[in-house]
Each structure stands twice: as structure tokens, then as C-alpha cells.
Amino acid sequence: MTAVTHAFAEFVHSAPNGGESPRAAEVVRHAVLDLFGVVIAGADEEAGRIALDYARSQGGAGPAAVLGGRTRLAPSLAALVNGTAGHALDYDDIGLGAGHISVAILPSVWAVAEQLQADGAAVTDALVVAYEVAHRLTTMYHDTRLGPYAAGYHKPSVYSSLGAAAGCARLLSLPADQVANALGIAASQAGGLRANFGTMTKPLHAGIANRTGVEAALLARSGFTASGEILEQRFGWHDVICRGEGDLDVVLDGLEAVGRTALFAVEEGLVFKAYPCCGANHYAIDGVIGLMRDAGLTEPDVASLDVWIDQTSLNDVLVYPWARSALEGKFSLAYNVAAAMADGEVTVTTFTDPALARLAAYRGKVRVHTADDLPAMNARIKFVTTDGRTFDREQLTLRGSLADPMTWADLEGKFRANVVGRIIPESVDEAIAGIADLQNQKSLTSISEHLLG
């Protein structure tokens, strides 16, 4: 049996400084800018508000900022609230095989860093290491929709909770045996059920992953013990959560070279979202908006809209034929393409009760089909107009993807749109400047103070 847990623990303890990779540091800055704007926007969502009310009810005042919440709490509670708010809109980044990765890791590392009064360089390093661990755990499968995801688990809860624990342990400079304990503690809290998609508990998965990361690392530092072989042993993480599927040994391939002669995983980049809904909708949304624009169509011109997507995305993720609530709308392909057709955009306001009532009028125009010949989440679109013309397109590229990445200017625009009216303009400018220079920040308070709201 390969000592996978021990190898990861040694890596977290002794890996080269991730912040010394210019590309890794750049991706981290982009992730922080994008996520923090999304957290602040999500703080106004019901899930974000309830999470904050709950945390305050626990009397958990402390050093860690609740973004947009006008308060500071104990690190575990701040991480819970920021993680939940950050996923409430489904507007946060995805990537590295782990699904919604930053939202399930970054708030925990940031909260512990504020407790430690760590600097921006240390946070950057810890995040690079955390992303590496979360990513590597997904590499057992050629398609990360297999394994735990196919069994009904949500990927951030399965992979990124361990990444969060690793990142917090790295910040705390834990020795390898305590890192192993932190991973063991976190593994016992892995879970997150996909049946909760379309409810407030889906974003709570990210909050819990962050809280788990903080608590696991701090408990381990205090001497709390767990299995030192939690990933590989019988009744451990791979045996139970992954049902023994996939080749666990693969997660260690090339690990000893990472940061030395091999790249960190995060250097690949992340996918940043242009629309606040499940990413499986995005190619179809882009396709509808682009085709209508290029053909010069508006909604009254459309007699019918057909959209095709791969069966797994449709049956396992976009599970609602039509939205019965605003949250379900984020996981309804028909609802999203109807919004794109009717409004020419999909925004935060698309997923509100007034929009839900208004868009019901277009439900009859939309038909959704499965396709066996399309890559995952790519889409085929066909319009038939009221005068009998036909327009079609395959959407095989996506704005914000690795093939068509968002620039810093794009992400800054998204950030400003997310925080407008929630943060004073002077603070917005200061926060952006601080994040742009994250590695040189001596204190994270110089950034977070501007984002409290």
C-alpha cells in the first residue's frame, strides 16, 4: 500500500514556495479578485445573509473579515460565511478537476492568515499548495464526473475540503505528522450531496469545506490526532468516499518534482464565469446570445429554440427541466437559454422571483435534447424564426475558459459590477490595487478592511 497521506503531508510541509512561480502567483491574484467580488455580491443573497446571522449568533467575534458583512469573526466562522456567500450566486471560478475550487479553499486560508497576521506572500504560497492537493486528488479519474461525483457527492466537498486543510496547515507551518492529522480530520468531514443542488445547501457545501479546513488545521496544531493513512487505508477516504474506484497511486505522479522541475497545477489557470449559474449552461448561453446577435434576431422573431448538450451534463447536473424557484434556475438549461433569448444576457437578476415569473412566458419556445457527439458542456443551437428561416451553430468555445481566458481588466470589470453599491468607490479602488500587489502586502488587513462594506 502506497503511503499517499504521508507523501501529501511531506509535500505540504516542505514543497518549494509556490509564490515564487510568477504564473502561479498571477493566477492566485486573479482568483482572489474574482472570488472576493462574488463573495460581496453573494452576501446579499438569502443564503449569505442567513449564514452570517447564524455565525453572529454563535458569539464568534474575531480577527477574520466577513466580506460585505461589516464584521469580523473567528476564522472558522468567517470562512463558513465567506465560502457560503461566495457560492450563493454560482458565479465563482471552476477548474483543476475539482469543480468550484477557489470558493472552497480561499476563504479558509485567508481567515487563518488574518488570525496569524500573515503577509500576502505567505497566503499566495499556501493557496498554490492547497490547489495542488485538491487537484491531485481528482487525477485518479480520466473524467472527474466519475468516482465520488457519479455517486452523488459534490466535488468541492470531496476534494477541496482537503485542499483547504492543506493550505491552512501550510500557513501554520505544521510538521508533516500534524499535516497528516489535519488531512485525517478533514477527510472525516468530506461529503456534500448533489441532491441539494438548487437549494441554499449547495453553497453551504463551500462554506463547510472552508470551515473544515480551518478547524482541521488548528485542531492538528493543538495535538488533535487522526489516522495518518486516511487517504489509503481500509474505511478511509478512498475506500469509502471514492468506493475504492480509481488509481489512488496516480495522485503522487511527479509530486516530488512540483515546484522544482515541474509546474504547480494552478499554473494551468482557472475558468472564470461570465454568468452566475452552473457552468454546464455557459456554452449554450454563449451560443444563444452570439447566434441571435449575428443573425440580427430578437425574441419576437423566434418561433422555436432547440438546444443540444451531452447527456451527462443534462441528466446529472442540469437536472431541472424548468425552474420552480430562482435557485433551481441555475440548474435548468431551458430556463437559462430562454433568458438568453429573451434578454440577450444572463445576470444576477435572471435568478430572482420577478424574472422567474416573467420568463415563464417563453418556456414553450425552448426544447432541450441530449447529444452523443458533443464534448462535455459544449452546445448545439438551432433557431427557427416566425417567417420560417433556420439558424444554427455549435458552440465549442467559451469566454473565460482556458482557451479564451479573462484578463485582469475583465475580472476587474466583473469585480466592480459585483461590489457596486455595496462598497464605497474609494475602497473599491484600494482593494483592487492591494490584490494586484498581493505578494508585497505586509498585512491582509490592508485589503480586507476595504471589503467589509
Protein backbone atom coordinates (compact mmCIF):
# COMPACT_ATOMS: atom_id res chain seq x y z
CA MET A 1 0.00 0.00 0.00
CA THR A 2 1.46 3.36 -1.03
CA ALA A 3 1.69 5.87 1.81
CA VAL A 4 -0.27 8.55 -0.02
CA THR A 5 -1.28 10.52 3.07
CA HIS A 6 2.32 10.66 4.27
CA ALA A 7 3.54 11.81 0.85
CA PHE A 8 0.97 14.62 0.74
CA ALA A 9 1.82 15.64 4.29
CA GLU A 10 5.52 15.84 3.43
CA PHE A 11 4.69 17.87 0.34
CA VAL A 12 2.54 20.36 2.27
CA HIS A 13 5.29 20.73 4.85
CA SER A 14 8.30 21.03 2.55
CA ALA A 15 7.22 21.91 -1.01
CA PRO A 16 9.04 24.82 -2.66
CA ASN A 17 7.44 28.24 -2.22
CA GLY A 18 4.52 28.38 -4.63
CA GLY A 19 4.60 32.15 -4.73
CA GLU A 20 7.99 32.08 -6.41
CA SER A 21 6.31 30.95 -9.62
CA PRO A 22 5.24 34.15 -11.41
CA ARG A 23 2.47 32.33 -13.26
CA ALA A 24 1.11 30.66 -10.12
CA ALA A 25 1.13 33.98 -8.27
CA GLU A 26 -0.69 35.62 -11.18
CA VAL A 27 -3.47 33.01 -11.18
CA VAL A 28 -3.85 33.40 -7.42
CA ARG A 29 -4.27 37.17 -7.76
CA HIS A 30 -6.91 36.64 -10.43
CA ALA A 31 -8.70 34.11 -8.21
CA VAL A 32 -8.71 36.47 -5.22
CA LEU A 33 -10.03 39.40 -7.25
CA ASP A 34 -12.77 37.33 -8.86
CA LEU A 35 -13.88 35.50 -5.74
CA PHE A 36 -13.92 38.47 -3.40
CA GLY A 37 -16.26 40.37 -5.71
CA VAL A 38 -18.51 37.32 -5.94
CA VAL A 39 -18.49 36.90 -2.13
CA ILE A 40 -19.58 40.50 -1.63
CA ALA A 41 -22.39 40.16 -4.16
CA GLY A 42 -23.42 36.83 -2.61
CA ALA A 43 -23.55 38.37 0.85
CA ASP A 44 -26.87 39.95 -0.19
CA GLU A 45 -28.34 36.57 -1.18
CA GLU A 46 -30.56 34.83 1.34
CA ALA A 47 -28.02 32.05 1.85
CA GLY A 48 -25.30 34.61 2.59
CA ARG A 49 -27.50 36.57 4.98
CA ILE A 50 -28.66 33.51 6.91
CA ALA A 51 -25.11 32.16 7.18
CA LEU A 52 -23.94 35.48 8.63
CA ASP A 53 -26.86 35.68 11.06
CA TYR A 54 -26.04 32.17 12.23
CA ALA A 55 -22.35 32.95 12.69
CA ARG A 56 -23.11 36.10 14.67
CA SER A 57 -25.49 34.14 16.88
CA GLN A 58 -22.57 31.98 17.96
CA GLY A 59 -20.79 34.94 19.55
CA GLY A 60 -17.77 34.32 17.39
CA ALA A 61 -16.11 37.75 17.20
CA GLY A 62 -12.55 37.54 15.95
CA PRO A 63 -9.91 38.82 13.52
CA ALA A 64 -11.18 37.44 10.21
CA ALA A 65 -13.16 39.69 7.85
CA VAL A 66 -16.61 38.78 6.60
CA LEU A 67 -16.57 40.40 3.17
CA GLY A 68 -19.53 42.69 2.70
CA GLY A 69 -20.67 41.78 6.22
CA ARG A 70 -19.36 44.77 8.19
CA THR A 71 -17.93 42.47 10.82
CA ARG A 72 -15.02 40.25 11.79
CA LEU A 73 -15.43 36.79 13.25
CA ALA A 74 -13.43 33.81 14.44
CA PRO A 75 -11.62 32.25 11.44
CA SER A 76 -13.78 29.13 11.19
CA LEU A 77 -17.00 31.19 11.18
CA ALA A 78 -15.70 33.82 8.78
CA ALA A 79 -14.58 31.03 6.46
CA LEU A 80 -18.02 29.42 6.68
CA VAL A 81 -19.82 32.66 5.85
CA ASN A 82 -17.50 33.81 3.08
CA GLY A 83 -17.50 30.37 1.48
CA THR A 84 -21.29 30.17 1.54
CA ALA A 85 -21.76 33.70 0.21
CA GLY A 86 -19.11 33.08 -2.42
CA HIS A 87 -21.04 30.16 -3.88
CA ALA A 88 -24.55 31.55 -3.38
CA LEU A 89 -24.66 33.01 -6.90
CA ASP A 90 -22.79 30.13 -8.60
CA TYR A 91 -20.59 32.86 -10.09
CA ASP A 92 -17.24 31.65 -8.72
CA ASP A 93 -14.42 30.03 -10.67
CA ILE A 94 -14.04 26.36 -11.54
CA GLY A 95 -11.03 24.31 -12.55
CA LEU A 96 -8.23 21.85 -11.88
CA GLY A 97 -10.73 18.99 -11.95
CA ALA A 98 -12.08 19.95 -8.53
CA GLY A 99 -15.09 21.94 -9.69
CA HIS A 100 -15.65 25.09 -7.65
CA ILE A 101 -12.16 25.19 -6.24
CA SER A 102 -11.31 28.71 -5.07
CA VAL A 103 -14.56 29.26 -3.17
CA ALA A 104 -13.95 26.07 -1.15
CA ILE A 105 -10.32 26.90 -0.30
CA LEU A 106 -9.50 30.59 -0.43
CA PRO A 107 -11.78 31.85 2.39
CA SER A 108 -10.26 29.38 4.85
CA VAL A 109 -6.66 30.27 4.01
CA TRP A 110 -7.45 33.97 4.13
CA ALA A 111 -9.19 33.68 7.51
CA VAL A 112 -6.30 31.80 9.11
CA ALA A 113 -3.85 34.27 7.58
CA GLU A 114 -5.71 37.15 9.21
CA GLN A 115 -5.54 35.36 12.56
CA LEU A 116 -1.80 34.83 12.14
CA GLN A 117 -1.26 38.32 10.69
CA ALA A 118 0.46 36.59 7.80
CA ASP A 119 1.54 38.56 4.76
CA GLY A 120 0.44 38.30 1.16
CA ALA A 121 3.43 36.22 0.13
CA ALA A 122 2.58 33.53 2.68
CA VAL A 123 -1.06 33.47 1.56
CA THR A 124 -0.04 33.11 -2.07
CA ASP A 125 2.24 30.19 -1.24
CA ALA A 126 -0.40 28.46 0.88
CA LEU A 127 -3.02 28.78 -1.85
CA VAL A 128 -0.72 27.32 -4.50
CA VAL A 129 -0.07 24.30 -2.27
CA ALA A 130 -3.78 23.95 -1.42
CA TYR A 131 -4.79 23.98 -5.09
CA GLU A 132 -2.15 21.32 -5.79
CA VAL A 133 -3.52 18.92 -3.20
CA ALA A 134 -7.16 19.40 -4.25
CA HIS A 135 -6.26 18.93 -7.92
CA ARG A 136 -4.14 15.84 -7.44
CA LEU A 137 -6.90 14.03 -5.62
CA THR A 138 -9.02 14.33 -8.76
CA THR A 139 -6.42 12.74 -11.03
CA MET A 140 -7.50 9.20 -10.17
CA TYR A 141 -10.13 9.52 -12.89
CA HIS A 142 -9.87 10.40 -16.58
CA ASP A 143 -13.18 12.23 -16.13
CA THR A 144 -13.78 13.86 -12.76
CA ARG A 145 -17.51 13.36 -13.17
CA LEU A 146 -16.73 9.75 -12.31
CA GLY A 147 -15.95 8.43 -8.83
CA PRO A 148 -17.47 10.39 -5.95
CA TYR A 149 -19.28 12.80 -8.27
CA ALA A 150 -21.07 9.96 -10.06
CA ALA A 151 -22.03 8.55 -6.65
CA GLY A 152 -23.76 11.83 -5.77
CA TYR A 153 -21.05 13.78 -3.94
CA HIS A 154 -20.23 17.42 -4.73
CA LYS A 155 -16.60 17.85 -5.77
CA PRO A 156 -15.71 20.85 -3.54
CA SER A 157 -16.78 18.85 -0.50
CA VAL A 158 -14.75 15.81 -1.56
CA TYR A 159 -11.53 17.35 -2.86
CA SER A 160 -11.27 20.99 -1.85
CA SER A 161 -12.04 20.41 1.82
CA LEU A 162 -8.75 18.51 1.93
CA GLY A 163 -7.10 21.23 -0.12
CA ALA A 164 -8.34 23.82 2.37
CA ALA A 165 -6.90 21.84 5.26
CA ALA A 166 -3.59 21.56 3.40
CA GLY A 167 -3.48 25.30 2.71
CA CYS A 168 -4.22 26.20 6.32
CA ALA A 169 -1.64 23.68 7.53
CA ARG A 170 0.93 25.23 5.19
CA LEU A 171 0.23 28.69 6.64
CA LEU A 172 0.63 27.31 10.15
CA SER A 173 3.96 25.65 9.21
CA LEU A 174 2.77 22.36 10.65
CA PRO A 175 5.21 19.45 10.70
CA ALA A 176 4.34 16.56 8.41
CA ASP A 177 2.76 14.41 11.12
CA GLN A 178 0.39 17.21 12.07
CA VAL A 179 -0.41 17.87 8.41
CA ALA A 180 -1.39 14.19 8.15
CA ASN A 181 -3.66 14.65 11.17
CA ALA A 182 -5.24 17.71 9.57
CA LEU A 183 -5.94 15.71 6.41
CA GLY A 184 -7.39 12.93 8.55
CA ILE A 185 -9.71 15.30 10.37
CA ALA A 186 -10.83 16.92 7.12
CA ALA A 187 -11.42 13.58 5.41
CA SER A 188 -13.96 12.63 8.06
CA GLN A 189 -15.97 15.71 7.07
CA ALA A 190 -15.88 15.13 3.31
CA GLY A 191 -19.31 14.85 1.73
CA GLY A 192 -21.75 17.27 0.17
CA LEU A 193 -24.73 15.70 -1.59
CA ARG A 194 -25.72 16.76 -5.10
CA ALA A 195 -29.38 16.25 -4.24
CA ASN A 196 -29.08 19.70 -2.65
CA PHE A 197 -28.34 21.42 -5.97
CA GLY A 198 -30.87 24.19 -6.45
CA THR A 199 -31.11 24.91 -2.71
CA MET A 200 -29.17 27.02 -0.22
CA THR A 201 -27.31 23.94 0.94
CA LYS A 202 -25.30 23.75 -2.28
CA PRO A 203 -23.40 26.97 -1.43
CA LEU A 204 -23.20 25.78 2.15
CA HIS A 205 -21.01 22.93 0.85
CA ALA A 206 -18.33 25.52 0.08
CA GLY A 207 -18.78 27.14 3.47
CA ILE A 208 -18.41 23.81 5.24
CA ALA A 209 -15.30 22.92 3.21
CA ASN A 210 -13.69 26.16 4.38
CA ARG A 211 -14.75 25.73 8.00
CA THR A 212 -13.40 22.18 7.84
CA GLY A 213 -10.05 23.39 6.54
CA VAL A 214 -9.66 25.92 9.34
CA GLU A 215 -10.77 23.58 12.11
CA ALA A 216 -8.75 20.62 10.87
CA ALA A 217 -5.50 22.56 10.71
CA LEU A 218 -5.98 24.36 14.04
CA LEU A 219 -7.01 21.16 15.83
CA ALA A 220 -4.00 19.35 14.41
CA ARG A 221 -1.71 22.14 15.59
CA SER A 222 -3.12 21.67 19.09
CA GLY A 223 -2.27 17.96 19.06
CA PHE A 224 -5.59 16.51 17.91
CA THR A 225 -4.97 13.18 16.21
CA ALA A 226 -6.45 11.35 13.24
CA SER A 227 -5.45 8.46 11.05
CA GLY A 228 -2.09 9.11 9.43
CA GLU A 229 -3.18 6.92 6.50
CA ILE A 230 -6.64 8.37 5.97
CA LEU A 231 -6.45 8.53 2.20
CA GLU A 232 -5.38 4.95 1.56
CA GLN A 233 -6.36 2.74 4.48
CA ARG A 234 -9.40 0.50 4.69
CA PHE A 235 -12.53 2.52 5.56
CA GLY A 236 -10.60 5.67 4.69
CA TRP A 237 -11.28 8.42 2.18
CA HIS A 238 -10.55 6.45 -1.00
CA ASP A 239 -12.24 3.29 0.23
CA VAL A 240 -15.45 5.00 1.39
CA ILE A 241 -15.92 8.32 -0.41
CA CYS A 242 -14.44 7.05 -3.68
CA ARG A 243 -15.78 3.48 -3.23
CA GLY A 244 -12.26 2.24 -3.97
CA GLU A 245 -12.55 3.38 -7.58
CA GLY A 246 -9.71 4.99 -9.50
CA ASP A 247 -5.98 4.51 -9.04
CA LEU A 248 -5.01 6.34 -5.86
CA ASP A 249 -1.29 5.96 -6.54
CA VAL A 250 -1.66 8.22 -9.59
CA VAL A 251 -2.15 11.25 -7.35
CA LEU A 252 1.54 11.12 -6.44
CA ASP A 253 2.86 11.04 -10.02
CA GLY A 254 5.60 13.65 -10.30
CA LEU A 255 4.79 15.14 -6.91
CA GLU A 256 8.44 15.27 -5.83
CA ALA A 257 9.25 17.47 -8.85
CA VAL A 258 6.46 20.03 -8.38
CA GLY A 259 7.89 23.49 -7.88
CA ARG A 260 11.35 22.28 -8.76
CA THR A 261 11.34 20.99 -12.31
CA ALA A 262 7.58 20.58 -12.77
CA LEU A 263 4.82 23.18 -12.76
CA PHE A 264 2.31 23.67 -9.97
CA ALA A 265 -1.18 22.64 -11.05
CA VAL A 266 -2.59 26.14 -10.66
CA GLU A 267 -0.26 27.40 -13.38
CA GLU A 268 -2.73 25.83 -15.83
CA GLY A 269 -5.17 28.59 -14.93
CA LEU A 270 -8.79 28.65 -13.79
CA VAL A 271 -12.10 29.11 -15.59
CA PHE A 272 -13.77 32.36 -14.59
CA LYS A 273 -17.50 32.68 -15.09
CA ALA A 274 -19.28 35.24 -17.23
CA TYR A 275 -22.70 34.11 -15.98
CA PRO A 276 -23.95 33.49 -12.39
CA CYS A 277 -25.20 29.94 -12.86
CA CYS A 278 -23.99 26.36 -13.20
CA GLY A 279 -21.12 26.21 -15.69
CA ALA A 280 -22.81 23.45 -17.67
CA ASN A 281 -25.17 26.15 -19.02
CA HIS A 282 -22.48 28.50 -20.25
CA TYR A 283 -21.68 27.22 -23.73
CA ALA A 284 -25.39 27.18 -24.56
CA ILE A 285 -25.86 30.70 -23.19
CA ASP A 286 -22.91 31.97 -25.24
CA GLY A 287 -24.29 30.18 -28.29
CA VAL A 288 -27.77 31.66 -27.99
CA ILE A 289 -26.56 35.20 -27.37
CA GLY A 290 -23.96 35.03 -30.14
CA LEU A 291 -26.25 33.46 -32.73
CA MET A 292 -29.06 35.94 -32.08
CA ARG A 293 -26.62 38.83 -32.31
CA ASP A 294 -25.02 37.57 -35.54
CA ALA A 295 -28.38 36.79 -37.16
CA GLY A 296 -29.93 40.08 -36.04
CA LEU A 297 -32.73 38.32 -34.18
CA THR A 298 -34.76 39.41 -31.19
CA GLU A 299 -37.11 37.26 -29.13
CA PRO A 300 -40.27 38.10 -31.12
CA ASP A 301 -38.51 36.75 -34.25
CA VAL A 302 -38.09 33.32 -32.67
CA ALA A 303 -40.68 30.60 -33.18
CA SER A 304 -38.62 27.87 -31.54
CA LEU A 305 -35.23 27.33 -29.93
CA ASP A 306 -33.64 23.88 -29.78
CA VAL A 307 -30.50 23.20 -27.77
CA TRP A 308 -28.41 20.04 -27.55
CA ILE A 309 -25.88 19.15 -24.85
CA ASP A 310 -24.16 16.00 -23.64
CA GLN A 311 -26.29 13.56 -21.70
CA THR A 312 -24.21 13.60 -18.50
CA SER A 313 -24.43 17.38 -18.15
CA LEU A 314 -28.15 17.35 -18.78
CA ASN A 315 -29.11 14.36 -16.67
CA ASP A 316 -26.67 14.73 -13.77
CA VAL A 317 -26.19 18.48 -13.37
CA LEU A 318 -28.85 20.49 -15.19
CA VAL A 319 -31.50 18.44 -13.50
CA TYR A 320 -34.47 20.80 -13.63
CA PRO A 321 -36.50 20.81 -16.89
CA TRP A 322 -37.76 24.23 -15.82
CA ALA A 323 -37.14 26.28 -12.71
CA ARG A 324 -39.69 26.24 -9.91
CA SER A 325 -37.51 28.61 -7.86
CA ALA A 326 -34.79 31.11 -8.61
CA LEU A 327 -32.13 28.75 -7.24
CA GLU A 328 -33.37 25.89 -9.38
CA GLY A 329 -32.99 28.22 -12.35
CA LYS A 330 -29.23 27.96 -12.04
CA PHE A 331 -29.52 24.24 -12.89
CA SER A 332 -32.13 24.43 -15.68
CA LEU A 333 -30.74 24.61 -19.21
CA ALA A 334 -34.13 25.53 -20.68
CA TYR A 335 -34.51 28.39 -18.24
CA ASN A 336 -31.05 29.80 -18.98
CA VAL A 337 -31.35 29.70 -22.75
CA ALA A 338 -34.84 31.21 -22.50
CA ALA A 339 -33.33 34.10 -20.52
CA ALA A 340 -30.52 34.48 -23.05
CA MET A 341 -33.08 34.54 -25.88
CA ALA A 342 -35.47 36.97 -24.17
CA ASP A 343 -32.98 39.34 -22.55
CA GLY A 344 -29.77 38.92 -24.53
CA GLU A 345 -27.93 38.31 -21.26
CA VAL A 346 -27.90 36.19 -18.12
CA THR A 347 -27.17 38.17 -14.96
CA VAL A 348 -27.73 38.06 -11.22
CA THR A 349 -31.24 39.42 -11.77
CA THR A 350 -32.08 36.45 -14.02
CA PHE A 351 -32.32 34.36 -10.87
CA THR A 352 -34.95 36.31 -8.97
CA ASP A 353 -38.65 35.71 -8.45
CA PRO A 354 -39.72 38.52 -10.81
CA ALA A 355 -37.55 37.09 -13.59
CA LEU A 356 -38.88 33.60 -12.89
CA ALA A 357 -42.45 34.83 -13.39
CA ARG A 358 -41.60 36.86 -16.50
CA LEU A 359 -39.56 34.15 -18.27
CA ALA A 360 -42.31 31.55 -17.88
CA ALA A 361 -43.91 33.06 -20.99
CA TYR A 362 -41.01 31.73 -23.13
CA ARG A 363 -40.94 28.18 -21.80
CA GLY A 364 -42.94 26.82 -24.74
CA LYS A 365 -40.40 28.07 -27.28
CA VAL A 366 -37.50 26.03 -25.85
CA ARG A 367 -36.74 22.34 -26.42
CA VAL A 368 -33.73 20.59 -24.86
CA HIS A 369 -32.09 17.44 -26.28
CA THR A 370 -29.13 15.20 -25.49
CA ALA A 371 -26.29 14.74 -27.99
CA ASP A 372 -23.73 11.94 -28.10
CA ASP A 373 -21.32 13.78 -30.41
CA LEU A 374 -20.60 16.91 -28.37
CA PRO A 375 -17.77 17.38 -25.85
CA ALA A 376 -18.86 17.87 -22.25
CA MET A 377 -20.95 21.02 -21.76
CA ASN A 378 -20.49 22.19 -25.38
CA ALA A 379 -23.76 23.04 -27.12
CA ARG A 380 -25.59 22.98 -30.43
CA ILE A 381 -28.18 25.68 -31.03
CA LYS A 382 -30.96 25.95 -33.63
CA PHE A 383 -33.45 28.76 -34.10
CA VAL A 384 -36.49 28.62 -36.33
CA THR A 385 -37.95 32.06 -36.92
CA THR A 386 -41.57 33.05 -37.25
CA ASP A 387 -41.06 33.53 -41.00
CA GLY A 388 -39.59 30.04 -41.44
CA ARG A 389 -35.86 30.75 -41.53
CA THR A 390 -33.40 28.44 -39.70
CA PHE A 391 -30.18 29.45 -37.94
CA ASP A 392 -27.84 27.06 -36.17
CA ARG A 393 -24.41 26.93 -34.56
CA GLU A 394 -22.19 24.69 -32.47
CA GLN A 395 -20.68 26.48 -29.51
CA LEU A 396 -17.29 24.88 -28.83
CA THR A 397 -15.51 27.84 -27.23
CA LEU A 398 -16.29 29.73 -24.05
CA ARG A 399 -15.32 33.16 -22.80
CA GLY A 400 -13.45 32.78 -19.53
CA SER A 401 -12.20 29.27 -20.33
CA LEU A 402 -8.55 28.28 -20.57
CA ALA A 403 -8.80 28.62 -24.35
CA ASP A 404 -10.29 32.15 -24.11
CA PRO A 405 -9.25 33.42 -20.68
CA MET A 406 -10.46 36.54 -18.95
CA THR A 407 -7.83 39.23 -18.50
CA TRP A 408 -7.17 41.17 -15.32
CA ALA A 409 -9.18 44.02 -16.87
CA ASP A 410 -12.11 41.64 -17.49
CA LEU A 411 -12.02 40.42 -13.91
CA GLU A 412 -11.70 43.95 -12.58
CA GLY A 413 -14.83 44.89 -14.51
CA LYS A 414 -16.68 41.91 -13.07
CA PHE A 415 -15.43 42.77 -9.57
CA ARG A 416 -16.60 46.38 -9.83
CA ALA A 417 -20.01 45.29 -11.08
CA ASN A 418 -20.37 42.85 -8.19
CA VAL A 419 -19.47 45.33 -5.45
CA VAL A 420 -21.13 48.50 -6.78
CA GLY A 421 -23.44 49.97 -4.14
CA ARG A 422 -22.03 47.59 -1.54
CA ILE A 423 -18.55 49.07 -1.08
CA ILE A 424 -17.67 52.77 -1.29
CA PRO A 425 -15.81 53.66 -4.53
CA GLU A 426 -12.59 54.70 -2.79
CA SER A 427 -12.42 51.35 -1.02
CA VAL A 428 -13.03 49.50 -4.28
CA ASP A 429 -10.00 51.15 -5.86
CA GLU A 430 -7.84 50.47 -2.81
CA ALA A 431 -8.87 46.81 -2.65
CA ILE A 432 -8.13 46.21 -6.34
CA ALA A 433 -4.73 47.84 -6.00
CA GLY A 434 -3.94 45.74 -2.93
CA ILE A 435 -4.94 42.47 -4.59
CA ALA A 436 -2.92 43.39 -7.69
CA ASP A 437 0.11 43.69 -5.40
CA LEU A 438 -0.85 40.80 -3.12
CA GLN A 439 2.60 39.29 -2.71
CA ASN A 440 4.00 42.54 -1.39
CA GLN A 441 1.26 43.18 1.17
CA LYS A 442 2.64 43.07 4.69
CA SER A 443 -0.81 42.67 6.16
CA LEU A 444 -4.03 41.33 4.67
CA THR A 445 -5.96 43.87 6.70
CA SER A 446 -4.83 46.47 4.18
CA ILE A 447 -7.08 44.66 1.69
CA SER A 448 -9.86 43.16 3.79
CA GLU A 449 -10.61 46.41 5.66
CA HIS A 450 -11.75 47.92 2.37
CA LEU A 451 -14.08 44.99 1.65
CA LEU A 452 -16.07 44.82 4.88
CA GLY A 453 -18.76 47.05 3.40
